[in-house]
Amino acid sequence: MEAISSTPSAAGWAKKFDIKAIGSNAAPKNHNGYLSYQVKKGNKNDVSANAYGYYTHVTVGLTGTITLSTGQVSVGGNIKKSNANVPMITFKY
């Protein structure tokens, strides 16, 4: 599944997918995918780093804006949305 848009910021990247259009020949179900990132040390003294993921599913409405800030992602211009639990992983160097 390919993203229809990408929004970069200092806090990360947001990818937008049109699941309804992808399922135009059959009802969309059991969609899954992944985003891959390369992680590098910020400096030679770092011993660990944390990575977080956020997911918002818009069920009614037009997504006009996607805004990223540290610790959250906001999706604007919609009537109904749901947010998934926040996953987190710790990398030890």
C-alpha atoms as a PDB file:
ATOM      1  CA  MET A   1       0.000   0.000   0.000  1.00  0.00           C
ATOM      2  CA  GLU A   2       1.521   3.305  -1.037  1.00  0.00           C
ATOM      3  CA  ALA A   3       1.055   6.555   0.882  1.00  0.00           C
ATOM      4  CA  ILE A   4      -0.867   9.329  -0.898  1.00  0.00           C
ATOM      5  CA  SER A   5       1.031  12.034   0.994  1.00  0.00           C
ATOM      6  CA  SER A   6       3.876  12.533   3.448  1.00  0.00           C
ATOM      7  CA  THR A   7       4.299  15.267   6.065  1.00  0.00           C
ATOM      8  CA  PRO A   8       7.788  15.756   7.511  1.00  0.00           C
ATOM      9  CA  SER A   9       8.628  17.801  10.608  1.00  0.00           C
ATOM     10  CA  ALA A  10      11.323  17.986  13.269  1.00  0.00           C
ATOM     11  CA  ALA A  11       9.171  15.603  15.352  1.00  0.00           C
ATOM     12  CA  GLY A  12       9.021  12.887  12.651  1.00  0.00           C
ATOM     13  CA  TRP A  13       7.061  11.894   9.538  1.00  0.00           C
ATOM     14  CA  ALA A  14       3.343  11.374   8.953  1.00  0.00           C
ATOM     15  CA  LYS A  15       2.096   9.192   6.095  1.00  0.00           C
ATOM     16  CA  LYS A  16      -1.483   9.351   4.782  1.00  0.00           C
ATOM     17  CA  PHE A  17      -3.100   6.289   3.169  1.00  0.00           C
ATOM     18  CA  ASP A  18      -6.467   6.173   1.392  1.00  0.00           C
ATOM     19  CA  ILE A  19      -7.693   2.750   2.501  1.00  0.00           C
ATOM     20  CA  LYS A  20     -11.199   3.333   1.079  1.00  0.00           C
ATOM     21  CA  ALA A  21      -9.877   3.968  -2.445  1.00  0.00           C
ATOM     22  CA  ILE A  22      -7.645   0.902  -2.238  1.00  0.00           C
ATOM     23  CA  GLY A  23     -10.731  -1.175  -1.346  1.00  0.00           C
ATOM     24  CA  SER A  24     -12.923   0.192  -4.162  1.00  0.00           C
ATOM     25  CA  ASN A  25     -13.349  -3.273  -5.744  1.00  0.00           C
ATOM     26  CA  ALA A  26     -13.906  -5.000  -2.410  1.00  0.00           C
ATOM     27  CA  ALA A  27     -14.441  -3.823   1.134  1.00  0.00           C
ATOM     28  CA  PRO A  28     -11.136  -2.840   2.750  1.00  0.00           C
ATOM     29  CA  LYS A  29     -10.204  -5.235   5.562  1.00  0.00           C
ATOM     30  CA  ASN A  30      -7.144  -6.669   7.270  1.00  0.00           C
ATOM     31  CA  HIS A  31      -4.848  -3.905   6.029  1.00  0.00           C
ATOM     32  CA  ASN A  32      -1.377  -3.910   7.462  1.00  0.00           C
ATOM     33  CA  GLY A  33       1.945  -2.396   6.592  1.00  0.00           C
ATOM     34  CA  TYR A  34       5.024  -0.837   8.069  1.00  0.00           C
ATOM     35  CA  LEU A  35       7.269   2.202   7.966  1.00  0.00           C
ATOM     36  CA  SER A  36      10.991   1.598   8.208  1.00  0.00           C
ATOM     37  CA  TYR A  37      13.478   4.028   9.759  1.00  0.00           C
ATOM     38  CA  GLN A  38      17.217   3.947  10.249  1.00  0.00           C
ATOM     39  CA  VAL A  39      18.316   4.880  13.772  1.00  0.00           C
ATOM     40  CA  LYS A  40      21.717   6.451  14.471  1.00  0.00           C
ATOM     41  CA  LYS A  41      23.394   7.600  17.660  1.00  0.00           C
ATOM     42  CA  GLY A  42      23.018  11.306  18.355  1.00  0.00           C
ATOM     43  CA  ASN A  43      26.542  11.354  19.752  1.00  0.00           C
ATOM     44  CA  LYS A  44      29.225   8.853  20.805  1.00  0.00           C
ATOM     45  CA  ASN A  45      28.132   8.963  24.472  1.00  0.00           C
ATOM     46  CA  ASP A  46      24.528   7.842  23.817  1.00  0.00           C
ATOM     47  CA  VAL A  47      23.715   4.434  25.316  1.00  0.00           C
ATOM     48  CA  SER A  48      20.007   4.189  24.356  1.00  0.00           C
ATOM     49  CA  ALA A  49      17.214   5.862  22.419  1.00  0.00           C
ATOM     50  CA  ASN A  50      13.397   5.649  22.385  1.00  0.00           C
ATOM     51  CA  ALA A  51      11.125   5.512  19.327  1.00  0.00           C
ATOM     52  CA  TYR A  52       7.355   6.048  19.416  1.00  0.00           C
ATOM     53  CA  GLY A  53       4.593   5.457  16.888  1.00  0.00           C
ATOM     54  CA  TYR A  54       1.151   7.086  16.581  1.00  0.00           C
ATOM     55  CA  TYR A  55      -1.854   6.013  14.515  1.00  0.00           C
ATOM     56  CA  THR A  56      -5.099   7.877  13.846  1.00  0.00           C
ATOM     57  CA  HIS A  57      -7.876   6.301  11.777  1.00  0.00           C
ATOM     58  CA  VAL A  58     -10.373   8.742  10.228  1.00  0.00           C
ATOM     59  CA  THR A  59     -13.757   7.085   9.646  1.00  0.00           C
ATOM     60  CA  VAL A  60     -15.881  10.097   8.609  1.00  0.00           C
ATOM     61  CA  GLY A  61     -14.696  13.315   7.009  1.00  0.00           C
ATOM     62  CA  LEU A  62     -12.021  14.811   4.834  1.00  0.00           C
ATOM     63  CA  THR A  63      -8.515  14.985   6.252  1.00  0.00           C
ATOM     64  CA  GLY A  64      -7.378  18.533   5.570  1.00  0.00           C
ATOM     65  CA  THR A  65      -4.368  18.763   7.859  1.00  0.00           C
ATOM     66  CA  ILE A  66      -1.818  16.531   9.523  1.00  0.00           C
ATOM     67  CA  THR A  67       0.284  18.153  12.249  1.00  0.00           C
ATOM     68  CA  LEU A  68       3.198  16.574  14.104  1.00  0.00           C
ATOM     69  CA  SER A  69       4.691  17.719  17.373  1.00  0.00           C
ATOM     70  CA  THR A  70       6.785  15.895  19.949  1.00  0.00           C
ATOM     71  CA  GLY A  71       4.626  13.179  21.468  1.00  0.00           C
ATOM     72  CA  GLN A  72       1.561  13.513  19.234  1.00  0.00           C
ATOM     73  CA  VAL A  73       0.043  13.584  15.761  1.00  0.00           C
ATOM     74  CA  SER A  74      -3.111  15.604  14.962  1.00  0.00           C
ATOM     75  CA  VAL A  75      -5.467  15.014  12.053  1.00  0.00           C
ATOM     76  CA  GLY A  76      -7.766  17.937  11.224  1.00  0.00           C
ATOM     77  CA  GLY A  77     -10.867  18.433   9.112  1.00  0.00           C
ATOM     78  CA  ASN A  78     -12.654  15.253  10.193  1.00  0.00           C
ATOM     79  CA  ILE A  79     -15.823  14.361  12.041  1.00  0.00           C
ATOM     80  CA  LYS A  80     -14.886  11.007  13.565  1.00  0.00           C
ATOM     81  CA  LYS A  81     -11.498   9.480  14.286  1.00  0.00           C
ATOM     82  CA  SER A  82      -9.948   6.890  16.561  1.00  0.00           C
ATOM     83  CA  ASN A  83      -6.419   6.716  17.946  1.00  0.00           C
ATOM     84  CA  ALA A  84      -4.476   3.515  18.546  1.00  0.00           C
ATOM     85  CA  ASN A  85      -2.448   2.845  21.673  1.00  0.00           C
ATOM     86  CA  VAL A  86       1.028   4.342  21.471  1.00  0.00           C
ATOM     87  CA  PRO A  87       3.784   1.766  20.833  1.00  0.00           C
ATOM     88  CA  MET A  88       7.304   2.481  22.090  1.00  0.00           C
ATOM     89  CA  ILE A  89      10.611   0.705  21.638  1.00  0.00           C
ATOM     90  CA  THR A  90      13.930   1.328  23.415  1.00  0.00           C
ATOM     91  CA  PHE A  91      17.185   0.791  21.526  1.00  0.00           C
ATOM     92  CA  LYS A  92      20.278  -0.054  23.574  1.00  0.00           C
ATOM     93  CA  TYR A  93      23.644   0.610  21.902  1.00  0.00           C
END
